[in-house]
Amino acid sequence: MSELNSQRSAILRTKHHTDETRQEQNRVKRMLLSIYQNKLVFKGLLILIIILLVIANIG
């Protein structure tokens, strides 16, 4: 019986560790996605500013 309990607790520890790892991976993924989306926003703003400067110079 104690053998089963030790196996069970080992499995639960492993599962808990796996869940933590998965949460960590999800957090990293979200951070990378937000950085990527921010880069797209900044690129768009940069292009917009350049276009406005060109228009201002032509005008």
N, C-alpha and C. Protein backbone atom coordinates (compact mmCIF):
# COMPACT_ATOMS: atom_id res chain seq x y z
N MET A 1 0.83 -1.20 0.00
CA MET A 1 0.00 0.00 0.00
C MET A 1 0.87 1.26 0.00
N SER A 2 1.93 1.24 0.81
CA SER A 2 2.80 2.43 0.85
C SER A 2 3.51 2.62 -0.49
N GLU A 3 3.76 1.49 -1.18
CA GLU A 3 4.36 1.56 -2.52
C GLU A 3 3.44 2.36 -3.45
N LEU A 4 2.14 2.04 -3.40
CA LEU A 4 1.17 2.75 -4.23
C LEU A 4 1.12 4.23 -3.87
N ASN A 5 1.14 4.52 -2.58
CA ASN A 5 1.09 5.92 -2.14
C ASN A 5 2.31 6.69 -2.62
N SER A 6 3.48 6.06 -2.54
CA SER A 6 4.69 6.77 -2.98
C SER A 6 4.66 6.99 -4.49
N GLN A 7 4.17 5.97 -5.24
CA GLN A 7 4.04 6.14 -6.69
C GLN A 7 3.06 7.27 -7.01
N ARG A 8 1.95 7.26 -6.27
CA ARG A 8 0.92 8.28 -6.50
C ARG A 8 1.47 9.68 -6.22
N SER A 9 2.17 9.83 -5.11
CA SER A 9 2.71 11.15 -4.78
C SER A 9 3.77 11.57 -5.80
N ALA A 10 4.55 10.61 -6.29
CA ALA A 10 5.56 10.92 -7.31
C ALA A 10 4.87 11.40 -8.59
N ILE A 11 3.79 10.71 -8.97
CA ILE A 11 3.04 11.10 -10.18
C ILE A 11 2.45 12.50 -10.00
N LEU A 12 1.88 12.76 -8.82
CA LEU A 12 1.29 14.07 -8.57
C LEU A 12 2.35 15.17 -8.61
N ARG A 13 3.54 14.88 -8.04
CA ARG A 13 4.63 15.87 -8.09
C ARG A 13 5.03 16.15 -9.54
N THR A 14 5.14 15.07 -10.33
CA THR A 14 5.51 15.23 -11.74
C THR A 14 4.46 16.04 -12.48
N LYS A 15 3.17 15.73 -12.22
CA LYS A 15 2.09 16.45 -12.88
C LYS A 15 2.12 17.93 -12.49
N HIS A 16 2.35 18.21 -11.22
CA HIS A 16 2.42 19.60 -10.75
C HIS A 16 3.57 20.32 -11.45
N HIS A 17 4.70 19.66 -11.54
CA HIS A 17 5.87 20.26 -12.20
C HIS A 17 5.58 20.52 -13.67
N THR A 18 4.90 19.55 -14.33
CA THR A 18 4.55 19.71 -15.74
C THR A 18 3.60 20.89 -15.93
N ASP A 19 2.62 21.02 -15.01
CA ASP A 19 1.69 22.15 -15.10
C ASP A 19 2.43 23.47 -14.96
N GLU A 20 3.38 23.53 -14.01
CA GLU A 20 4.16 24.76 -13.83
C GLU A 20 4.96 25.09 -15.09
N THR A 21 5.57 24.05 -15.68
CA THR A 21 6.36 24.26 -16.90
C THR A 21 5.46 24.77 -18.02
N ARG A 22 4.27 24.17 -18.14
CA ARG A 22 3.35 24.59 -19.19
C ARG A 22 2.92 26.04 -18.99
N GLN A 23 2.63 26.41 -17.73
CA GLN A 23 2.24 27.79 -17.44
C GLN A 23 3.38 28.75 -17.80
N GLU A 24 4.60 28.34 -17.47
CA GLU A 24 5.78 29.17 -17.79
C GLU A 24 5.90 29.36 -19.30
N GLN A 25 5.72 28.26 -20.05
CA GLN A 25 5.80 28.35 -21.51
C GLN A 25 4.71 29.26 -22.06
N ASN A 26 3.50 29.15 -21.51
CA ASN A 26 2.41 30.01 -21.97
C ASN A 26 2.71 31.47 -21.68
N ARG A 27 3.31 31.74 -20.51
CA ARG A 27 3.64 33.12 -20.16
C ARG A 27 4.69 33.67 -21.13
N VAL A 28 5.70 32.86 -21.44
CA VAL A 28 6.74 33.29 -22.40
C VAL A 28 6.11 33.54 -23.76
N LYS A 29 5.21 32.63 -24.18
CA LYS A 29 4.55 32.79 -25.48
C LYS A 29 3.77 34.10 -25.54
N ARG A 30 3.01 34.38 -24.46
CA ARG A 30 2.23 35.63 -24.42
C ARG A 30 3.15 36.84 -24.49
N MET A 31 4.27 36.80 -23.76
CA MET A 31 5.21 37.92 -23.78
C MET A 31 5.76 38.13 -25.19
N LEU A 32 6.16 37.03 -25.84
CA LEU A 32 6.71 37.14 -27.19
C LEU A 32 5.67 37.69 -28.16
N LEU A 33 4.42 37.19 -28.03
CA LEU A 33 3.36 37.68 -28.90
C LEU A 33 3.11 39.17 -28.69
N SER A 34 3.09 39.61 -27.44
CA SER A 34 2.84 41.03 -27.18
C SER A 34 3.99 41.88 -27.70
N ILE A 35 5.22 41.39 -27.54
CA ILE A 35 6.37 42.13 -28.09
C ILE A 35 6.25 42.22 -29.60
N TYR A 36 5.88 41.10 -30.24
CA TYR A 36 5.74 41.08 -31.70
C TYR A 36 4.65 42.06 -32.14
N GLN A 37 3.50 42.04 -31.45
CA GLN A 37 2.41 42.96 -31.81
C GLN A 37 2.84 44.40 -31.60
N ASN A 38 3.57 44.67 -30.51
CA ASN A 38 4.06 46.03 -30.27
C ASN A 38 5.01 46.46 -31.38
N LYS A 39 5.86 45.53 -31.84
CA LYS A 39 6.77 45.85 -32.94
C LYS A 39 5.98 46.26 -34.17
N LEU A 40 4.90 45.51 -34.46
CA LEU A 40 4.07 45.84 -35.63
C LEU A 40 3.48 47.24 -35.46
N VAL A 41 2.99 47.54 -34.25
CA VAL A 41 2.41 48.86 -34.00
C VAL A 41 3.46 49.95 -34.19
N PHE A 42 4.66 49.72 -33.63
CA PHE A 42 5.72 50.73 -33.75
C PHE A 42 6.15 50.90 -35.20
N LYS A 43 6.22 49.80 -35.96
CA LYS A 43 6.57 49.91 -37.39
C LYS A 43 5.52 50.73 -38.12
N GLY A 44 4.25 50.46 -37.81
CA GLY A 44 3.18 51.22 -38.45
C GLY A 44 3.26 52.69 -38.13
N LEU A 45 3.51 53.01 -36.86
CA LEU A 45 3.65 54.42 -36.46
C LEU A 45 4.84 55.07 -37.14
N LEU A 46 5.95 54.34 -37.23
CA LEU A 46 7.15 54.86 -37.87
C LEU A 46 6.88 55.18 -39.34
N ILE A 47 6.23 54.24 -40.03
CA ILE A 47 5.90 54.46 -41.45
C ILE A 47 4.97 55.66 -41.59
N LEU A 48 3.98 55.76 -40.70
CA LEU A 48 3.04 56.88 -40.74
C LEU A 48 3.77 58.21 -40.55
N ILE A 49 4.68 58.27 -39.59
CA ILE A 49 5.44 59.50 -39.34
C ILE A 49 6.29 59.86 -40.56
N ILE A 50 6.94 58.85 -41.15
CA ILE A 50 7.77 59.11 -42.34
C ILE A 50 6.91 59.66 -43.47
N ILE A 51 5.74 59.05 -43.69
CA ILE A 51 4.84 59.52 -44.75
C ILE A 51 4.41 60.96 -44.48
N LEU A 52 4.06 61.26 -43.23
CA LEU A 52 3.65 62.63 -42.89
C LEU A 52 4.79 63.62 -43.11
N LEU A 53 6.01 63.23 -42.77
CA LEU A 53 7.17 64.10 -43.00
C LEU A 53 7.39 64.34 -44.49
N VAL A 54 7.24 63.29 -45.29
CA VAL A 54 7.40 63.43 -46.74
C VAL A 54 6.34 64.37 -47.29
N ILE A 55 5.09 64.19 -46.86
CA ILE A 55 4.00 65.07 -47.32
C ILE A 55 4.29 66.52 -46.90
N ALA A 56 4.76 66.70 -45.65
CA ALA A 56 5.06 68.05 -45.17
C ALA A 56 6.18 68.68 -46.00
N ASN A 57 7.17 67.89 -46.38
CA ASN A 57 8.28 68.42 -47.19
C ASN A 57 7.82 68.78 -48.60
N ILE A 58 6.93 67.95 -49.17
CA ILE A 58 6.44 68.24 -50.52
C ILE A 58 5.56 69.49 -50.48
N GLY A 59 4.68 69.55 -49.47
CA GLY A 59 3.75 70.67 -49.34
C GLY A 59 4.51 71.91 -48.98
